[in-house]
Amino acid sequence: MSVGELSSKLKRMVEGEFGHVRLRGEISGFKRAASGHVYLALKDESAVIDGVMWKGVANALAFSPQDGVEVIATGKLTIYPGRSKYQIVIERMELAGAGALMALLEKLRAQLAGEGLFDRDRKRALPFLPRVIGVVTSPTGAVIRDILHRLEDRCPTRVIVWPVKVQGEGAAAEVAAAVRGFDALPVHGPADGPVPRPDLVIVARGGGSIEDLWAFNEEVVVRAVAACSIPIISAVGHETDTTLCDHAADLRAPTPTAAAEIAVPVLAELRLTIDSHRQRTERCARRYVERGRERLTALARLLPKRDALLGPQRQRADDAGARLDRGLERRVTVARGQLDRATGALRPAVLQRQVDSARHRLESTWRLVQTLNPDNVLERGYARVTARDGATLMSSAAVTAAGAVTLRFRDGSVDVAVDPGDGKTPDKPRRVERSAPKAYAAPIPEQPTLL
């Protein structure tokens, strides 16, 4: 036989003799290929057998296989001719009892704790009175009803439920996606918008076995809870149940109902507290006013009386008033004397002498003005030669240059043309109406004041 024929006979023999088998053993050499298929080995104290798990089966597992975990694998025994090795094609895998689950849980807890995901300094304080609470849980179970009922009793608050599966295949992925979804909502979004960002998130599930709660021990859930920027309360199972989600959350509640009680205060108690603070504030304010009044009264008794404070000022005011009266009388007396002396200088005889003297000066000035009037000589037959603009002409050259002049006599004026002496007939002089000579008006001096 050829090698291939021998391998084929052995393959048919093994597959025919061992159809489906259930093997109990510890996982070793666990490896997930890029294709999604899983390769591993199952071993016990005396032997090792290789195993392969195709992608569809691996994705449907309720837990994440790891080295050192004891499992029960169900599948078909076959031979891989390419390496002359027999192996089991695993179709189903489950943990071998609670002990194996606890060992796997402890191993994962130690790994995540070593990364600091459970450190106390990562825990955030819960908001005192959240406006919006996000709840990650099953929408049909008793858990959400208990939470809503408890919130309604204590302090009605807006609640947004992100429905997820809390058990079985795909539960861990849905819980992690819900936590990340709440965290991805805009921080400054409208509080009354279609999906406002919660101020607090509650991850909740009812009680059950460790297998039922295993989704909340999955690494994907723990990392999503630890990375969420919104404070999270973990309320998975009953008081005795503990999951890795509890360690990663900011606070663990023993039950979902207790989570609702922790999330919000009692509204009635808040009102009582506020009313108590109001009463204490009013009492303190009244006490402060009363003590201030007492201190003011005590200080007022120490102050001097009003008459004692104002007596010296009143006396000084009276003295000043008396001095003011005397000063006014003295001032009136002095002013009366000055007025008498001034009125004495205004006697009628004195005024008459001043008027006569002023009249004499005025008459002398007027006689001088009449003497200097150039038109007085016209009475004696003289004439005054002026240009058309009224300027007096003093020479024959000025008259010749003017061409036309006005002769002013005592009884009027005559316009004449001047013969330049060049043989030309001068223009006929324009005849104008004679007017009476204007008397020379000398300015009359201003009469001096009498006062």
Protein backbone atom coordinates (compact mmCIF):
# COMPACT_ATOMS: atom_id res chain seq x y z
CA MET A 1 0.00 0.00 0.00
CA SER A 2 1.00 3.50 -0.53
CA VAL A 3 1.19 5.92 2.35
CA GLY A 4 -1.97 7.64 1.20
CA GLU A 5 -3.88 4.35 1.03
CA LEU A 6 -2.80 3.48 4.56
CA SER A 7 -3.79 6.92 5.85
CA SER A 8 -7.21 6.62 4.18
CA LYS A 9 -7.85 3.15 5.71
CA LEU A 10 -6.83 4.39 9.14
CA LYS A 11 -9.09 7.45 8.76
CA ARG A 12 -12.10 5.33 7.80
CA MET A 13 -11.39 2.89 10.60
CA VAL A 14 -11.08 5.58 13.27
CA GLU A 15 -14.12 7.53 12.12
CA GLY A 16 -16.16 4.36 11.88
CA GLU A 17 -15.12 3.04 15.28
CA PHE A 18 -15.30 6.40 17.09
CA GLY A 19 -18.19 8.42 15.68
CA HIS A 20 -18.92 11.02 18.36
CA VAL A 21 -17.02 11.19 21.62
CA ARG A 22 -17.04 13.37 24.73
CA LEU A 23 -13.63 14.13 26.14
CA ARG A 24 -12.74 15.74 29.44
CA GLY A 25 -9.43 17.51 29.61
CA GLU A 26 -7.47 20.70 30.15
CA ILE A 27 -6.98 23.17 27.31
CA SER A 28 -3.38 23.63 26.20
CA GLY A 29 -1.83 25.55 23.33
CA PHE A 30 -5.01 27.53 22.58
CA LYS A 31 -4.64 29.54 19.35
CA ARG A 32 -7.15 31.44 17.20
CA ALA A 33 -6.12 31.68 13.56
CA ALA A 34 -6.73 34.72 11.35
CA SER A 35 -9.48 32.77 9.64
CA GLY A 36 -11.37 32.50 12.93
CA HIS A 37 -10.75 28.77 13.40
CA VAL A 38 -9.44 27.63 16.78
CA TYR A 39 -6.66 25.10 17.31
CA LEU A 40 -5.89 23.59 20.71
CA ALA A 41 -4.96 20.43 22.58
CA LEU A 42 -6.78 18.56 25.34
CA LYS A 43 -4.64 16.83 27.93
CA ASP A 44 -4.80 14.98 31.21
CA GLU A 45 -2.20 13.34 33.40
CA SER A 46 -1.30 10.69 30.83
CA ALA A 47 -2.12 11.78 27.26
CA VAL A 48 -2.69 14.65 24.81
CA ILE A 49 -5.01 14.90 21.81
CA ASP A 50 -5.13 17.70 19.27
CA GLY A 51 -8.40 19.45 18.55
CA VAL A 52 -9.80 21.89 16.03
CA MET A 53 -12.88 24.05 16.26
CA TRP A 54 -14.25 25.73 13.19
CA LYS A 55 -15.10 29.45 13.17
CA GLY A 56 -18.88 29.08 13.49
CA VAL A 57 -18.61 26.83 16.53
CA ALA A 58 -15.95 29.01 18.17
CA ASN A 59 -18.06 32.16 17.83
CA ALA A 60 -21.03 30.45 19.45
CA LEU A 61 -19.20 29.56 22.67
CA ALA A 62 -20.63 31.01 25.86
CA PHE A 63 -17.16 31.61 27.28
CA SER A 64 -13.68 32.42 26.07
CA PRO A 65 -11.45 29.32 26.12
CA GLN A 66 -8.06 29.76 27.72
CA ASP A 67 -5.10 27.56 28.54
CA GLY A 68 -5.46 25.68 31.78
CA VAL A 69 -9.27 25.57 31.78
CA GLU A 70 -10.83 22.14 32.17
CA VAL A 71 -13.56 21.55 29.60
CA ILE A 72 -15.79 18.83 28.17
CA ALA A 73 -15.51 18.71 24.38
CA THR A 74 -17.97 16.85 22.18
CA GLY A 75 -17.05 16.07 18.60
CA LYS A 76 -15.95 13.60 15.95
CA LEU A 77 -12.63 11.80 16.04
CA THR A 78 -10.72 11.88 12.78
CA ILE A 79 -7.23 11.61 11.34
CA TYR A 80 -5.34 14.42 9.60
CA PRO A 81 -3.36 12.59 6.90
CA GLY A 82 -1.08 15.49 6.23
CA ARG A 83 0.61 14.97 9.59
CA SER A 84 -0.41 11.43 10.44
CA LYS A 85 -2.11 12.69 13.58
CA TYR A 86 -5.47 11.89 15.00
CA GLN A 87 -7.53 14.78 16.36
CA ILE A 88 -11.01 15.69 17.49
CA VAL A 89 -13.16 18.11 15.52
CA ILE A 90 -14.97 19.86 18.37
CA GLU A 91 -18.64 20.62 17.77
CA ARG A 92 -19.52 21.72 21.29
CA MET A 93 -17.50 22.74 24.34
CA GLU A 94 -18.53 23.49 27.88
CA LEU A 95 -16.72 24.08 31.12
CA ALA A 96 -16.20 21.01 33.26
CA GLY A 97 -18.16 22.05 36.37
CA ALA A 98 -18.20 25.09 38.62
CA GLY A 99 -14.61 24.55 39.65
CA ALA A 100 -13.41 25.07 36.09
CA LEU A 101 -15.52 28.21 35.76
CA MET A 102 -14.12 29.62 38.97
CA ALA A 103 -10.58 28.84 37.85
CA LEU A 104 -11.20 30.62 34.55
CA LEU A 105 -12.84 33.51 36.36
CA GLU A 106 -9.95 33.86 38.79
CA LYS A 107 -7.42 33.80 36.00
CA LEU A 108 -9.23 36.52 34.04
CA ARG A 109 -9.73 38.59 37.20
CA ALA A 110 -6.02 38.46 37.97
CA GLN A 111 -5.16 39.48 34.41
CA LEU A 112 -7.52 42.47 34.36
CA ALA A 113 -6.57 43.51 37.88
CA GLY A 114 -2.95 43.52 36.83
CA GLU A 115 -3.85 46.04 34.11
CA GLY A 116 -5.37 48.34 36.74
CA LEU A 117 -8.99 48.04 35.57
CA PHE A 118 -10.21 47.44 39.14
CA ASP A 119 -8.14 50.13 40.89
CA ARG A 120 -9.97 52.35 43.37
CA ASP A 121 -8.50 55.53 41.94
CA ARG A 122 -10.40 54.82 38.71
CA LYS A 123 -13.74 54.92 40.50
CA ARG A 124 -15.83 58.05 39.92
CA ALA A 125 -18.34 59.63 42.26
CA LEU A 126 -21.98 59.16 41.34
CA PRO A 127 -24.07 62.25 40.57
CA PHE A 128 -26.29 63.26 43.48
CA LEU A 129 -29.41 63.83 41.41
CA PRO A 130 -29.04 62.52 37.83
CA ARG A 131 -31.43 64.00 35.29
CA VAL A 132 -31.18 61.00 32.94
CA ILE A 133 -30.38 57.39 33.86
CA GLY A 134 -29.40 54.81 31.28
CA VAL A 135 -30.23 51.15 32.02
CA VAL A 136 -28.58 48.24 30.20
CA THR A 137 -30.76 45.18 30.75
CA SER A 138 -33.42 42.97 29.22
CA PRO A 139 -36.52 45.00 28.31
CA THR A 140 -38.93 42.19 29.20
CA GLY A 141 -37.68 40.91 32.53
CA ALA A 142 -38.67 41.80 36.07
CA VAL A 143 -35.45 43.74 36.56
CA ILE A 144 -36.45 46.79 34.52
CA ARG A 145 -39.89 46.87 36.15
CA ASP A 146 -38.34 46.81 39.62
CA ILE A 147 -35.93 49.63 38.70
CA LEU A 148 -38.63 51.84 37.19
CA HIS A 149 -41.00 51.22 40.09
CA ARG A 150 -38.33 52.04 42.66
CA LEU A 151 -37.28 55.21 40.85
CA GLU A 152 -40.90 56.33 40.64
CA ASP A 153 -41.34 55.85 44.39
CA ARG A 154 -38.14 57.64 45.37
CA CYS A 155 -37.58 60.37 42.80
CA PRO A 156 -39.17 60.32 39.33
CA THR A 157 -36.35 60.50 36.78
CA ARG A 158 -36.08 60.10 33.03
CA VAL A 159 -34.87 56.59 32.17
CA ILE A 160 -33.47 55.35 28.85
CA VAL A 161 -33.37 51.55 28.43
CA TRP A 162 -30.87 49.98 26.08
CA PRO A 163 -32.32 46.50 25.48
CA VAL A 164 -29.81 43.62 25.47
CA LYS A 165 -29.66 39.92 26.02
CA VAL A 166 -28.37 39.15 29.48
CA GLN A 167 -27.68 35.44 28.99
CA GLY A 168 -26.56 33.05 26.29
CA GLU A 169 -24.86 33.45 22.99
CA GLY A 170 -24.01 37.07 22.04
CA ALA A 171 -25.09 38.50 25.41
CA ALA A 172 -21.62 39.80 26.30
CA ALA A 173 -21.20 41.55 22.94
CA GLU A 174 -24.61 43.25 23.27
CA VAL A 175 -23.93 44.46 26.83
CA ALA A 176 -20.54 45.85 25.83
CA ALA A 177 -22.04 47.56 22.77
CA ALA A 178 -24.76 49.15 24.92
CA VAL A 179 -22.26 50.58 27.40
CA ARG A 180 -20.12 51.96 24.58
CA GLY A 181 -23.25 53.33 22.88
CA PHE A 182 -24.26 55.34 25.94
CA ASP A 183 -20.71 56.63 26.27
CA ALA A 184 -20.65 57.69 22.60
CA LEU A 185 -23.62 60.06 22.95
CA PRO A 186 -22.63 63.74 22.68
CA VAL A 187 -21.62 65.28 25.98
CA HIS A 188 -23.30 68.62 25.30
CA GLY A 189 -26.37 67.26 23.57
CA PRO A 190 -29.83 68.60 24.45
CA ALA A 191 -31.14 67.21 27.72
CA ASP A 192 -34.62 66.96 26.24
CA GLY A 193 -33.48 65.59 22.87
CA PRO A 194 -34.46 62.24 21.39
CA VAL A 195 -31.54 60.40 23.05
CA PRO A 196 -29.88 62.56 25.72
CA ARG A 197 -26.61 61.45 27.27
CA PRO A 198 -27.23 59.78 30.64
CA ASP A 199 -25.67 61.16 33.81
CA LEU A 200 -25.58 57.62 35.24
CA VAL A 201 -25.69 54.08 33.76
CA ILE A 202 -27.02 50.96 35.51
CA VAL A 203 -25.98 47.54 34.17
CA ALA A 204 -28.49 45.12 35.64
CA ARG A 205 -29.53 41.48 35.59
CA GLY A 206 -31.41 39.20 37.92
CA GLY A 207 -29.89 36.32 39.87
CA GLY A 208 -28.82 32.98 38.44
CA SER A 209 -26.07 30.43 38.33
CA ILE A 210 -22.50 31.24 37.45
CA GLU A 211 -23.17 30.00 33.95
CA ASP A 212 -26.17 32.32 33.64
CA LEU A 213 -24.13 35.33 34.78
CA TRP A 214 -21.08 34.44 32.74
CA ALA A 215 -21.70 37.14 30.10
CA PHE A 216 -20.87 39.76 32.74
CA ASN A 217 -17.52 38.07 33.37
CA GLU A 218 -16.46 38.31 29.75
CA GLU A 219 -13.44 40.47 29.04
CA VAL A 220 -15.26 42.55 26.43
CA VAL A 221 -17.87 43.62 28.98
CA VAL A 222 -15.33 44.36 31.70
CA ARG A 223 -13.24 46.54 29.40
CA ALA A 224 -16.28 48.44 28.11
CA VAL A 225 -17.44 49.19 31.67
CA ALA A 226 -13.96 50.25 32.80
CA ALA A 227 -13.50 52.54 29.78
CA CYS A 228 -16.91 54.27 30.06
CA SER A 229 -16.69 57.93 31.02
CA ILE A 230 -20.18 57.87 32.55
CA PRO A 231 -20.40 56.62 36.17
CA ILE A 232 -21.74 53.04 36.20
CA ILE A 233 -23.56 51.02 38.85
CA SER A 234 -23.30 47.25 38.40
CA ALA A 235 -26.36 45.37 39.67
CA VAL A 236 -25.84 41.82 38.39
CA GLY A 237 -27.40 38.95 40.31
CA HIS A 238 -28.28 38.82 43.99
CA GLU A 239 -26.23 39.89 47.00
CA THR A 240 -24.01 36.79 46.98
CA ASP A 241 -23.33 36.93 43.23
CA THR A 242 -20.15 38.68 42.14
CA THR A 243 -18.98 39.26 38.58
CA LEU A 244 -16.00 40.98 37.06
CA CYS A 245 -18.38 43.68 35.87
CA ASP A 246 -18.94 44.54 39.55
CA HIS A 247 -15.20 45.11 40.03
CA ALA A 248 -14.90 47.32 36.94
CA ALA A 249 -17.96 49.46 37.72
CA ASP A 250 -17.78 52.58 39.85
CA LEU A 251 -20.16 51.06 42.39
CA ARG A 252 -21.64 47.60 42.96
CA ALA A 253 -25.25 47.29 44.04
CA PRO A 254 -26.39 44.04 45.69
CA THR A 255 -29.61 43.95 43.61
CA PRO A 256 -31.17 45.92 40.75
CA THR A 257 -33.66 47.43 43.19
CA ALA A 258 -30.82 48.56 45.40
CA ALA A 259 -29.17 50.14 42.35
CA ALA A 260 -32.26 52.30 41.85
CA GLU A 261 -32.16 53.29 45.51
CA ILE A 262 -28.49 54.22 45.23
CA ALA A 263 -28.99 56.15 41.98
CA VAL A 264 -31.40 58.79 43.30
CA PRO A 265 -32.27 60.24 46.69
CA VAL A 266 -35.76 60.14 48.17
CA LEU A 267 -37.61 63.20 46.94
CA ALA A 268 -39.71 63.47 50.10
CA GLU A 269 -36.58 63.33 52.24
CA LEU A 270 -34.99 66.00 50.08
CA ARG A 271 -37.97 68.25 50.61
CA LEU A 272 -37.85 67.63 54.35
CA THR A 273 -34.13 68.36 54.38
CA ILE A 274 -34.58 71.56 52.41
CA ASP A 275 -37.42 72.63 54.68
CA SER A 276 -35.26 71.87 57.72
CA HIS A 277 -32.43 73.93 56.26
CA ARG A 278 -34.89 76.74 55.57
CA GLN A 279 -36.11 76.72 59.16
CA ARG A 280 -32.56 76.63 60.49
CA THR A 281 -31.61 79.50 58.19
CA GLU A 282 -34.56 81.56 59.39
CA ARG A 283 -33.73 80.82 63.04
CA CYS A 284 -30.11 81.76 62.48
CA ALA A 285 -31.16 84.97 60.72
CA ARG A 286 -33.53 85.90 63.55
CA ARG A 287 -30.88 85.08 66.15
CA TYR A 288 -28.37 87.19 64.26
CA VAL A 289 -30.79 90.12 64.15
CA GLU A 290 -31.66 89.76 67.83
CA ARG A 291 -28.02 89.63 68.85
CA GLY A 292 -27.31 92.65 66.68
CA ARG A 293 -30.17 94.52 68.31
CA GLU A 294 -28.85 93.62 71.76
CA ARG A 295 -25.35 94.80 70.86
CA LEU A 296 -26.78 98.01 69.41
CA THR A 297 -28.79 98.65 72.57
CA ALA A 298 -25.73 98.02 74.73
CA LEU A 299 -23.65 100.39 72.62
CA ALA A 300 -26.39 103.00 72.67
CA ARG A 301 -26.31 103.04 76.46
CA LEU A 302 -22.61 103.84 76.33
CA LEU A 303 -23.08 106.79 73.97
CA PRO A 304 -23.40 110.30 75.56
CA LYS A 305 -26.81 111.98 75.60
CA ARG A 306 -27.92 114.18 72.77
CA ASP A 307 -27.97 117.36 74.86
CA ALA A 308 -24.47 116.65 76.10
CA LEU A 309 -23.23 116.27 72.53
CA LEU A 310 -25.06 119.27 71.08
CA GLY A 311 -24.82 121.70 74.06
CA PRO A 312 -21.41 123.20 73.16
CA GLN A 313 -22.42 123.53 69.52
CA ARG A 314 -25.65 125.29 70.49
CA GLN A 315 -23.72 127.74 72.73
CA ARG A 316 -21.21 128.47 69.98
CA ALA A 317 -24.11 129.09 67.57
CA ASP A 318 -25.70 131.55 69.97
CA ASP A 319 -22.40 133.40 70.42
CA ALA A 320 -21.89 133.56 66.68
CA GLY A 321 -25.43 134.91 66.21
CA ALA A 322 -24.87 137.66 68.76
CA ARG A 323 -21.58 138.66 67.13
CA LEU A 324 -23.29 138.67 63.75
CA ASP A 325 -25.97 141.08 64.96
CA ARG A 326 -23.37 143.46 66.37
CA GLY A 327 -21.30 143.22 63.23
CA LEU A 328 -24.29 144.02 61.03
CA GLU A 329 -25.17 147.06 63.15
CA ARG A 330 -21.62 148.35 62.96
CA ARG A 331 -21.55 147.80 59.19
CA VAL A 332 -24.83 149.73 58.75
CA THR A 333 -23.48 152.64 60.80
CA VAL A 334 -20.32 152.86 58.71
CA ALA A 335 -22.30 152.69 55.46
CA ARG A 336 -24.67 155.42 56.67
CA GLY A 337 -21.73 157.73 57.37
CA GLN A 338 -20.27 157.08 53.93
CA LEU A 339 -23.65 157.84 52.34
CA ASP A 340 -24.01 161.10 54.28
CA ARG A 341 -20.61 162.27 53.13
CA ALA A 342 -21.44 161.42 49.54
CA THR A 343 -24.80 163.20 49.59
CA GLY A 344 -23.18 166.31 51.16
CA ALA A 345 -21.15 166.73 47.98
CA LEU A 346 -24.36 166.77 45.91
CA ARG A 347 -25.79 170.13 47.23
CA PRO A 348 -27.67 172.34 44.61
CA ALA A 349 -25.10 175.18 44.79
CA VAL A 350 -22.25 172.81 44.04
CA LEU A 351 -24.19 171.30 41.14
CA GLN A 352 -25.04 174.79 39.75
CA ARG A 353 -21.38 175.86 39.73
CA GLN A 354 -20.47 172.64 37.85
CA VAL A 355 -23.27 173.26 35.27
CA ASP A 356 -22.23 176.95 34.70
CA SER A 357 -18.60 175.95 34.23
CA ALA A 358 -19.57 173.28 31.67
CA ARG A 359 -21.80 175.76 29.78
CA HIS A 360 -19.00 178.32 29.59
CA ARG A 361 -16.60 175.71 28.15
CA LEU A 362 -19.24 174.63 25.61
CA GLU A 363 -19.88 178.23 24.40
CA SER A 364 -16.16 178.92 23.99
CA THR A 365 -15.74 175.75 21.98
CA TRP A 366 -18.70 176.63 19.71
CA ARG A 367 -17.32 180.11 18.99
CA LEU A 368 -14.05 178.52 17.99
CA VAL A 369 -15.87 176.13 15.67
CA GLN A 370 -17.73 179.03 13.98
CA THR A 371 -14.48 180.86 13.47
CA LEU A 372 -12.89 177.87 11.77
CA ASN A 373 -15.88 177.14 9.43
CA PRO A 374 -14.56 177.60 5.81
CA ASP A 375 -17.99 178.61 4.53
CA ASN A 376 -18.11 181.79 6.60
CA VAL A 377 -16.02 183.70 4.01
CA LEU A 378 -18.68 183.00 1.35
CA GLU A 379 -20.79 185.75 2.95
CA ARG A 380 -18.15 188.22 1.85
CA GLY A 381 -18.37 187.34 -1.89
CA TYR A 382 -15.91 184.50 -2.08
CA ALA A 383 -16.55 181.09 -3.72
CA ARG A 384 -15.10 177.68 -2.79
CA VAL A 385 -13.97 175.42 -5.65
CA THR A 386 -14.56 171.70 -5.13
CA ALA A 387 -14.30 168.63 -7.24
CA ARG A 388 -17.35 166.58 -8.08
CA ASP A 389 -16.56 164.33 -5.09
CA GLY A 390 -16.64 167.33 -2.73
CA ALA A 391 -12.88 167.68 -2.20
CA THR A 392 -11.68 171.34 -2.04
CA LEU A 393 -9.28 172.26 -4.89
CA MET A 394 -6.40 174.45 -3.79
CA SER A 395 -4.56 175.12 -7.13
CA SER A 396 -5.16 175.80 -10.83
CA ALA A 397 -3.43 172.57 -11.74
CA ALA A 398 -5.84 170.62 -9.60
CA VAL A 399 -8.78 172.46 -11.24
CA THR A 400 -7.42 171.75 -14.76
CA ALA A 401 -6.87 168.10 -13.88
CA ALA A 402 -10.42 167.82 -12.54
CA GLY A 403 -11.96 169.05 -15.82
CA ALA A 404 -15.29 169.83 -14.16
CA VAL A 405 -15.69 171.56 -10.83
CA THR A 406 -18.36 172.94 -8.56
CA LEU A 407 -18.36 176.53 -7.40
CA ARG A 408 -19.95 176.89 -4.00
CA PHE A 409 -21.40 180.36 -3.22
CA ARG A 410 -23.23 181.51 -0.13
CA ASP A 411 -26.59 181.00 -1.85
CA GLY A 412 -25.90 177.79 -3.86
CA SER A 413 -23.56 175.83 -6.12
CA VAL A 414 -22.79 175.92 -9.86
CA ASP A 415 -21.17 173.11 -11.89
CA VAL A 416 -18.77 174.39 -14.53
CA ALA A 417 -16.44 172.85 -17.11
CA VAL A 418 -12.81 173.90 -17.18
CA ASP A 419 -11.19 175.13 -20.47
CA PRO A 420 -7.84 173.37 -20.73
CA GLY A 421 -6.51 176.17 -23.07
CA ASP A 422 -5.80 173.89 -26.12
CA GLY A 423 -8.21 175.74 -28.52
CA LYS A 424 -10.99 173.13 -28.23
CA THR A 425 -14.46 174.19 -27.36
CA PRO A 426 -15.26 172.80 -24.02
CA ASP A 427 -18.35 170.76 -23.46
CA LYS A 428 -21.41 172.70 -22.49
CA PRO A 429 -21.55 172.57 -18.75
CA ARG A 430 -24.40 170.59 -17.31
CA ARG A 431 -26.79 172.81 -15.49
CA VAL A 432 -27.72 171.71 -12.08
CA GLU A 433 -30.17 173.06 -9.60
CA ARG A 434 -28.76 175.33 -7.07
CA SER A 435 -29.18 174.48 -3.53
CA ALA A 436 -28.75 176.52 -0.46
CA PRO A 437 -25.29 176.30 1.03
CA LYS A 438 -24.98 173.78 3.76
CA ALA A 439 -23.88 175.19 7.02
CA TYR A 440 -20.78 173.64 8.48
CA ALA A 441 -21.94 171.49 11.31
CA ALA A 442 -19.35 171.23 14.01
CA PRO A 443 -19.71 168.38 16.50
CA ILE A 444 -21.20 169.41 19.79
CA PRO A 445 -19.08 168.15 22.64
CA GLU A 446 -20.65 165.56 24.95
CA GLN A 447 -21.99 167.08 28.16
CA PRO A 448 -19.96 165.84 31.11
CA THR A 449 -21.72 163.84 33.81
CA LEU A 450 -22.89 165.57 36.91
CA LEU A 451 -22.15 162.62 39.15
